[in-house]
Amino acid sequence: MKESNRLKENLTDSEFNIKGECAISLLLTKLDIINIDLSRKIGRNVIQMRYGRMKTYESTCKKLKKKNLEKTFSAAVENLTDLIGVRAICSYVDDIYKVAGILEKQKDIRLLRVKDYIDAPKKSGYQSLHLILEIPISFQEGIQWMKVELQLRTAAMDYWANLDHQLRYKKGKKEAKLIDEELRQCAEEVGKLDRKMMEIRKKIDKI
């Protein structure tokens, strides 16, 4: 059996998927609790939307190839942080760090790494705060810690990221470089907009 076939079977294996979906469910619940608590304290909604997903076989293969890694399940689990992913859309930039700060203090979550693309955006202009977490899943054989990547961003950051994702599928076309540059400029405007909206909200809070 080819390694790629083994990878596909392992990624779609019921046990891995069940544990992954459980990890997503637990993290989504934690985000709901954080949102309820923060919203009660500050009088407004902090998390506008949240959802999770398991990375597809096709997407996993593309990322392994991009990183020059073998197309195996072990390589994917050891080197890819987003096989299991959750995304939360926050109202303001400072809300992102509020949510992250609360999660980091929770004893039943392990924080492995923080990738702050808000403070230091990618060359493309991409902005988001990534937390690489481990979530404990209890099964009959005991507790297994599942790696989950949580992406925290504003609605403006998410809108930009979706456009950027569409652009990746058009790489190689003559117009791609021009569009790429325009998107970088738009990313700067998104950052300015988020900061301005946060400033306005703070002024309103003082009234």
C-alpha atoms as a PDB file:
ATOM      1  CA  MET A   1       0.000   0.000   0.000  1.00  0.00           C
ATOM      2  CA  LYS A   2       1.367   3.418  -0.936  1.00  0.00           C
ATOM      3  CA  GLU A   3       2.235   5.881   1.826  1.00  0.00           C
ATOM      4  CA  SER A   4      -0.267   8.389   0.437  1.00  0.00           C
ATOM      5  CA  ASN A   5      -3.030   5.799   0.763  1.00  0.00           C
ATOM      6  CA  ARG A   6      -2.003   5.109   4.370  1.00  0.00           C
ATOM      7  CA  LEU A   7      -2.049   8.852   5.065  1.00  0.00           C
ATOM      8  CA  LYS A   8      -5.551   9.168   3.640  1.00  0.00           C
ATOM      9  CA  GLU A   9      -6.807   6.208   5.661  1.00  0.00           C
ATOM     10  CA  ASN A  10      -5.290   7.538   8.886  1.00  0.00           C
ATOM     11  CA  LEU A  11      -6.683  11.047   8.372  1.00  0.00           C
ATOM     12  CA  THR A  12     -10.153   9.686   7.672  1.00  0.00           C
ATOM     13  CA  ASP A  13      -9.902   6.925  10.296  1.00  0.00           C
ATOM     14  CA  SER A  14     -12.886   6.995  12.626  1.00  0.00           C
ATOM     15  CA  GLU A  15     -10.811   7.098  15.846  1.00  0.00           C
ATOM     16  CA  PHE A  16      -8.665  10.066  14.760  1.00  0.00           C
ATOM     17  CA  ASN A  17     -11.707  11.934  13.470  1.00  0.00           C
ATOM     18  CA  ILE A  18     -13.777  11.219  16.560  1.00  0.00           C
ATOM     19  CA  LYS A  19     -11.028  12.467  18.869  1.00  0.00           C
ATOM     20  CA  GLY A  20     -10.452  15.476  16.633  1.00  0.00           C
ATOM     21  CA  GLU A  21     -14.142  16.391  16.606  1.00  0.00           C
ATOM     22  CA  CYS A  22     -14.220  15.982  20.391  1.00  0.00           C
ATOM     23  CA  ALA A  23     -11.258  18.366  20.742  1.00  0.00           C
ATOM     24  CA  ILE A  24     -13.046  20.887  18.505  1.00  0.00           C
ATOM     25  CA  SER A  25     -16.249  20.563  20.526  1.00  0.00           C
ATOM     26  CA  LEU A  26     -14.425  21.093  23.832  1.00  0.00           C
ATOM     27  CA  LEU A  27     -12.582  24.172  22.584  1.00  0.00           C
ATOM     28  CA  LEU A  28     -15.753  25.665  21.074  1.00  0.00           C
ATOM     29  CA  THR A  29     -17.496  25.184  24.422  1.00  0.00           C
ATOM     30  CA  LYS A  30     -14.635  26.918  26.215  1.00  0.00           C
ATOM     31  CA  LEU A  31     -14.886  29.829  23.785  1.00  0.00           C
ATOM     32  CA  ASP A  32     -18.642  30.049  24.436  1.00  0.00           C
ATOM     33  CA  ILE A  33     -18.044  30.196  28.192  1.00  0.00           C
ATOM     34  CA  ILE A  34     -15.342  32.854  27.781  1.00  0.00           C
ATOM     35  CA  ASN A  35     -17.637  34.898  25.550  1.00  0.00           C
ATOM     36  CA  ILE A  36     -20.542  34.700  28.006  1.00  0.00           C
ATOM     37  CA  ASP A  37     -18.318  35.697  30.927  1.00  0.00           C
ATOM     38  CA  LEU A  38     -16.586  38.576  29.127  1.00  0.00           C
ATOM     39  CA  SER A  39     -19.831  39.815  27.571  1.00  0.00           C
ATOM     40  CA  ARG A  40     -21.442  39.928  31.018  1.00  0.00           C
ATOM     41  CA  LYS A  41     -18.526  41.890  32.468  1.00  0.00           C
ATOM     42  CA  ILE A  42     -18.042  44.466  29.707  1.00  0.00           C
ATOM     43  CA  GLY A  43     -21.578  44.668  28.347  1.00  0.00           C
ATOM     44  CA  ARG A  44     -20.973  43.646  24.729  1.00  0.00           C
ATOM     45  CA  ASN A  45     -20.345  40.576  22.610  1.00  0.00           C
ATOM     46  CA  VAL A  46     -16.662  39.670  22.328  1.00  0.00           C
ATOM     47  CA  ILE A  47     -16.740  36.651  20.003  1.00  0.00           C
ATOM     48  CA  GLN A  48     -18.949  37.144  16.950  1.00  0.00           C
ATOM     49  CA  MET A  49     -18.499  33.694  15.444  1.00  0.00           C
ATOM     50  CA  ARG A  50     -16.562  30.481  16.031  1.00  0.00           C
ATOM     51  CA  TYR A  51     -16.268  27.196  14.189  1.00  0.00           C
ATOM     52  CA  GLY A  52     -13.935  24.233  13.765  1.00  0.00           C
ATOM     53  CA  ARG A  53     -12.868  21.791  11.072  1.00  0.00           C
ATOM     54  CA  MET A  54     -10.670  18.785  10.412  1.00  0.00           C
ATOM     55  CA  LYS A  55      -8.062  19.378   7.685  1.00  0.00           C
ATOM     56  CA  THR A  56      -8.849  17.513   4.479  1.00  0.00           C
ATOM     57  CA  TYR A  57      -6.540  14.942   2.943  1.00  0.00           C
ATOM     58  CA  GLU A  58      -5.967  17.141  -0.130  1.00  0.00           C
ATOM     59  CA  SER A  59      -5.092  20.196   1.963  1.00  0.00           C
ATOM     60  CA  THR A  60      -2.795  18.115   4.169  1.00  0.00           C
ATOM     61  CA  CYS A  61      -0.908  16.789   1.128  1.00  0.00           C
ATOM     62  CA  LYS A  62      -0.421  20.307  -0.229  1.00  0.00           C
ATOM     63  CA  LYS A  63       1.007  21.529   3.073  1.00  0.00           C
ATOM     64  CA  LEU A  64       3.334  18.541   3.429  1.00  0.00           C
ATOM     65  CA  LYS A  65       4.604  19.155  -0.101  1.00  0.00           C
ATOM     66  CA  LYS A  66       5.099  22.863   0.625  1.00  0.00           C
ATOM     67  CA  LYS A  67       7.191  21.972   3.684  1.00  0.00           C
ATOM     68  CA  ASN A  68       9.138  19.297   1.747  1.00  0.00           C
ATOM     69  CA  LEU A  69       7.902  16.588   4.106  1.00  0.00           C
ATOM     70  CA  GLU A  70       7.048  12.950   3.429  1.00  0.00           C
ATOM     71  CA  LYS A  71       3.418  12.226   2.674  1.00  0.00           C
ATOM     72  CA  THR A  72       2.886  10.145   5.837  1.00  0.00           C
ATOM     73  CA  PHE A  73       0.504  10.344   8.778  1.00  0.00           C
ATOM     74  CA  SER A  74       3.352  10.575  11.296  1.00  0.00           C
ATOM     75  CA  ALA A  75       4.913  13.483   9.376  1.00  0.00           C
ATOM     76  CA  ALA A  76       1.547  15.247   9.322  1.00  0.00           C
ATOM     77  CA  VAL A  77       0.853  14.761  13.044  1.00  0.00           C
ATOM     78  CA  GLU A  78       4.377  15.743  14.101  1.00  0.00           C
ATOM     79  CA  ASN A  79       4.863  18.744  11.822  1.00  0.00           C
ATOM     80  CA  LEU A  80       1.461  20.232  11.017  1.00  0.00           C
ATOM     81  CA  THR A  81      -0.264  22.187  13.765  1.00  0.00           C
ATOM     82  CA  ASP A  82      -3.605  22.660  12.002  1.00  0.00           C
ATOM     83  CA  LEU A  83      -4.844  19.143  11.270  1.00  0.00           C
ATOM     84  CA  ILE A  84      -7.483  20.085  13.824  1.00  0.00           C
ATOM     85  CA  GLY A  85      -8.427  23.746  13.620  1.00  0.00           C
ATOM     86  CA  VAL A  86     -10.739  26.220  15.330  1.00  0.00           C
ATOM     87  CA  ARG A  87     -11.318  29.828  14.324  1.00  0.00           C
ATOM     88  CA  ALA A  88     -12.936  32.579  16.397  1.00  0.00           C
ATOM     89  CA  ILE A  89     -13.902  35.990  15.016  1.00  0.00           C
ATOM     90  CA  CYS A  90     -13.612  38.706  17.664  1.00  0.00           C
ATOM     91  CA  SER A  91     -15.119  42.175  17.673  1.00  0.00           C
ATOM     92  CA  TYR A  92     -11.898  44.119  18.290  1.00  0.00           C
ATOM     93  CA  VAL A  93      -8.146  43.527  18.291  1.00  0.00           C
ATOM     94  CA  ASP A  94      -7.845  43.868  22.070  1.00  0.00           C
ATOM     95  CA  ASP A  95     -10.643  41.294  22.455  1.00  0.00           C
ATOM     96  CA  ILE A  96      -8.402  38.796  20.654  1.00  0.00           C
ATOM     97  CA  TYR A  97      -5.739  39.152  23.328  1.00  0.00           C
ATOM     98  CA  LYS A  98      -8.338  39.056  26.125  1.00  0.00           C
ATOM     99  CA  VAL A  99      -9.611  35.687  24.880  1.00  0.00           C
ATOM    100  CA  ALA A 100      -6.072  34.373  24.385  1.00  0.00           C
ATOM    101  CA  GLY A 101      -5.042  35.477  27.881  1.00  0.00           C
ATOM    102  CA  ILE A 102      -7.928  33.614  29.500  1.00  0.00           C
ATOM    103  CA  LEU A 103      -7.219  30.428  27.524  1.00  0.00           C
ATOM    104  CA  GLU A 104      -3.535  30.529  28.431  1.00  0.00           C
ATOM    105  CA  LYS A 105      -4.410  30.483  32.139  1.00  0.00           C
ATOM    106  CA  GLN A 106      -6.722  27.474  31.973  1.00  0.00           C
ATOM    107  CA  LYS A 107      -5.191  24.454  33.673  1.00  0.00           C
ATOM    108  CA  ASP A 108      -6.834  21.857  31.439  1.00  0.00           C
ATOM    109  CA  ILE A 109      -5.225  23.261  28.287  1.00  0.00           C
ATOM    110  CA  ARG A 110      -1.584  23.097  27.269  1.00  0.00           C
ATOM    111  CA  LEU A 111      -0.243  26.091  25.356  1.00  0.00           C
ATOM    112  CA  LEU A 112       2.522  24.847  23.050  1.00  0.00           C
ATOM    113  CA  ARG A 113       3.202  27.929  20.954  1.00  0.00           C
ATOM    114  CA  VAL A 114       1.941  31.398  20.048  1.00  0.00           C
ATOM    115  CA  LYS A 115       2.264  32.780  16.526  1.00  0.00           C
ATOM    116  CA  ASP A 116       1.356  36.466  16.576  1.00  0.00           C
ATOM    117  CA  TYR A 117       0.735  37.591  13.001  1.00  0.00           C
ATOM    118  CA  ILE A 118      -1.042  40.709  14.255  1.00  0.00           C
ATOM    119  CA  ASP A 119       2.034  42.172  15.901  1.00  0.00           C
ATOM    120  CA  ALA A 120       4.208  40.835  13.059  1.00  0.00           C
ATOM    121  CA  PRO A 121       2.086  40.192   9.918  1.00  0.00           C
ATOM    122  CA  LYS A 122       3.267  37.760   7.254  1.00  0.00           C
ATOM    123  CA  LYS A 123       4.860  39.147   4.080  1.00  0.00           C
ATOM    124  CA  SER A 124       1.541  38.657   2.309  1.00  0.00           C
ATOM    125  CA  GLY A 125      -0.113  40.951   4.856  1.00  0.00           C
ATOM    126  CA  TYR A 126      -1.909  38.107   6.668  1.00  0.00           C
ATOM    127  CA  GLN A 127      -2.928  38.998  10.221  1.00  0.00           C
ATOM    128  CA  SER A 128      -4.188  36.651  12.920  1.00  0.00           C
ATOM    129  CA  LEU A 129      -3.208  35.343  16.343  1.00  0.00           C
ATOM    130  CA  HIS A 130      -2.519  31.600  16.339  1.00  0.00           C
ATOM    131  CA  LEU A 131      -2.446  29.555  19.534  1.00  0.00           C
ATOM    132  CA  ILE A 132      -1.152  25.999  19.243  1.00  0.00           C
ATOM    133  CA  LEU A 133      -2.933  24.133  22.015  1.00  0.00           C
ATOM    134  CA  GLU A 134      -3.305  20.609  23.339  1.00  0.00           C
ATOM    135  CA  ILE A 135      -6.776  19.541  24.437  1.00  0.00           C
ATOM    136  CA  PRO A 136      -7.242  16.448  26.678  1.00  0.00           C
ATOM    137  CA  ILE A 137      -9.632  13.826  25.303  1.00  0.00           C
ATOM    138  CA  SER A 138     -10.695  11.048  27.679  1.00  0.00           C
ATOM    139  CA  PHE A 139     -11.342   7.612  26.198  1.00  0.00           C
ATOM    140  CA  GLN A 140     -11.374   4.129  27.682  1.00  0.00           C
ATOM    141  CA  GLU A 141      -7.643   3.753  27.080  1.00  0.00           C
ATOM    142  CA  GLY A 142      -6.983   6.954  29.025  1.00  0.00           C
ATOM    143  CA  ILE A 143      -6.371  10.617  28.255  1.00  0.00           C
ATOM    144  CA  GLN A 144      -4.929  11.630  24.908  1.00  0.00           C
ATOM    145  CA  TRP A 145      -3.792  15.196  24.271  1.00  0.00           C
ATOM    146  CA  MET A 146      -4.898  16.395  20.825  1.00  0.00           C
ATOM    147  CA  LYS A 147      -3.072  19.245  19.103  1.00  0.00           C
ATOM    148  CA  VAL A 148      -5.397  22.034  17.948  1.00  0.00           C
ATOM    149  CA  GLU A 149      -4.607  25.313  16.215  1.00  0.00           C
ATOM    150  CA  LEU A 150      -6.830  28.193  17.314  1.00  0.00           C
ATOM    151  CA  GLN A 151      -6.940  31.236  15.035  1.00  0.00           C
ATOM    152  CA  LEU A 152      -8.205  34.466  16.591  1.00  0.00           C
ATOM    153  CA  ARG A 153      -8.933  37.385  14.261  1.00  0.00           C
ATOM    154  CA  THR A 154     -11.294  40.287  13.626  1.00  0.00           C
ATOM    155  CA  ALA A 155     -13.998  40.247  10.955  1.00  0.00           C
ATOM    156  CA  ALA A 156     -11.860  42.525   8.753  1.00  0.00           C
ATOM    157  CA  MET A 157      -8.857  40.188   9.083  1.00  0.00           C
ATOM    158  CA  ASP A 158     -11.044  37.209   8.252  1.00  0.00           C
ATOM    159  CA  TYR A 159     -12.515  38.907   5.171  1.00  0.00           C
ATOM    160  CA  TRP A 160      -9.012  39.714   3.912  1.00  0.00           C
ATOM    161  CA  ALA A 161      -7.765  36.170   4.609  1.00  0.00           C
ATOM    162  CA  ASN A 162     -10.616  34.687   2.581  1.00  0.00           C
ATOM    163  CA  LEU A 163      -9.696  36.841  -0.431  1.00  0.00           C
ATOM    164  CA  ASP A 164      -6.045  35.894  -0.030  1.00  0.00           C
ATOM    165  CA  HIS A 165      -7.011  32.206   0.055  1.00  0.00           C
ATOM    166  CA  GLN A 166      -8.829  32.605  -3.268  1.00  0.00           C
ATOM    167  CA  LEU A 167      -5.744  34.254  -4.763  1.00  0.00           C
ATOM    168  CA  ARG A 168      -3.547  31.251  -3.947  1.00  0.00           C
ATOM    169  CA  TYR A 169      -5.485  29.158  -6.443  1.00  0.00           C
ATOM    170  CA  LYS A 170      -4.579  31.621  -9.203  1.00  0.00           C
ATOM    171  CA  LYS A 171      -0.816  31.642  -8.628  1.00  0.00           C
ATOM    172  CA  GLY A 172       1.115  31.536 -11.880  1.00  0.00           C
ATOM    173  CA  LYS A 173      -1.208  33.840 -13.780  1.00  0.00           C
ATOM    174  CA  LYS A 174       0.165  37.158 -14.999  1.00  0.00           C
ATOM    175  CA  GLU A 175      -2.262  39.141 -12.884  1.00  0.00           C
ATOM    176  CA  ALA A 176      -1.358  37.323  -9.662  1.00  0.00           C
ATOM    177  CA  LYS A 177       1.589  39.561  -8.712  1.00  0.00           C
ATOM    178  CA  LEU A 178      -0.449  42.714  -9.203  1.00  0.00           C
ATOM    179  CA  ILE A 179      -3.332  41.331  -7.164  1.00  0.00           C
ATOM    180  CA  ASP A 180      -0.868  40.133  -4.517  1.00  0.00           C
ATOM    181  CA  GLU A 181       0.523  43.654  -4.114  1.00  0.00           C
ATOM    182  CA  GLU A 182      -2.964  45.143  -3.920  1.00  0.00           C
ATOM    183  CA  LEU A 183      -3.871  42.652  -1.211  1.00  0.00           C
ATOM    184  CA  ARG A 184      -0.781  43.639   0.790  1.00  0.00           C
ATOM    185  CA  GLN A 185      -1.900  47.247   0.615  1.00  0.00           C
ATOM    186  CA  CYS A 186      -5.408  46.236   1.643  1.00  0.00           C
ATOM    187  CA  ALA A 187      -3.964  44.360   4.633  1.00  0.00           C
ATOM    188  CA  GLU A 188      -2.370  47.600   5.837  1.00  0.00           C
ATOM    189  CA  GLU A 189      -5.734  49.343   5.536  1.00  0.00           C
ATOM    190  CA  VAL A 190      -7.387  46.497   7.454  1.00  0.00           C
ATOM    191  CA  GLY A 191      -4.888  47.012  10.276  1.00  0.00           C
ATOM    192  CA  LYS A 192      -5.582  50.752  10.330  1.00  0.00           C
ATOM    193  CA  LEU A 193      -9.346  50.153  10.302  1.00  0.00           C
ATOM    194  CA  ASP A 194      -9.181  47.703  13.214  1.00  0.00           C
ATOM    195  CA  ARG A 195      -7.060  50.092  15.266  1.00  0.00           C
ATOM    196  CA  LYS A 196      -9.369  53.026  14.489  1.00  0.00           C
ATOM    197  CA  MET A 197     -12.491  51.064  15.413  1.00  0.00           C
ATOM    198  CA  MET A 198     -10.872  50.040  18.692  1.00  0.00           C
ATOM    199  CA  GLU A 199     -10.023  53.680  19.462  1.00  0.00           C
ATOM    200  CA  ILE A 200     -13.616  54.748  18.749  1.00  0.00           C
ATOM    201  CA  ARG A 201     -14.964  51.973  20.977  1.00  0.00           C
ATOM    202  CA  LYS A 202     -12.677  53.063  23.830  1.00  0.00           C
ATOM    203  CA  LYS A 203     -13.949  56.647  23.506  1.00  0.00           C
ATOM    204  CA  ILE A 204     -17.534  55.399  23.627  1.00  0.00           C
ATOM    205  CA  ASP A 205     -16.700  53.265  26.695  1.00  0.00           C
ATOM    206  CA  LYS A 206     -15.551  56.404  28.550  1.00  0.00           C
ATOM    207  CA  ILE A 207     -18.825  58.244  27.932  1.00  0.00           C
END
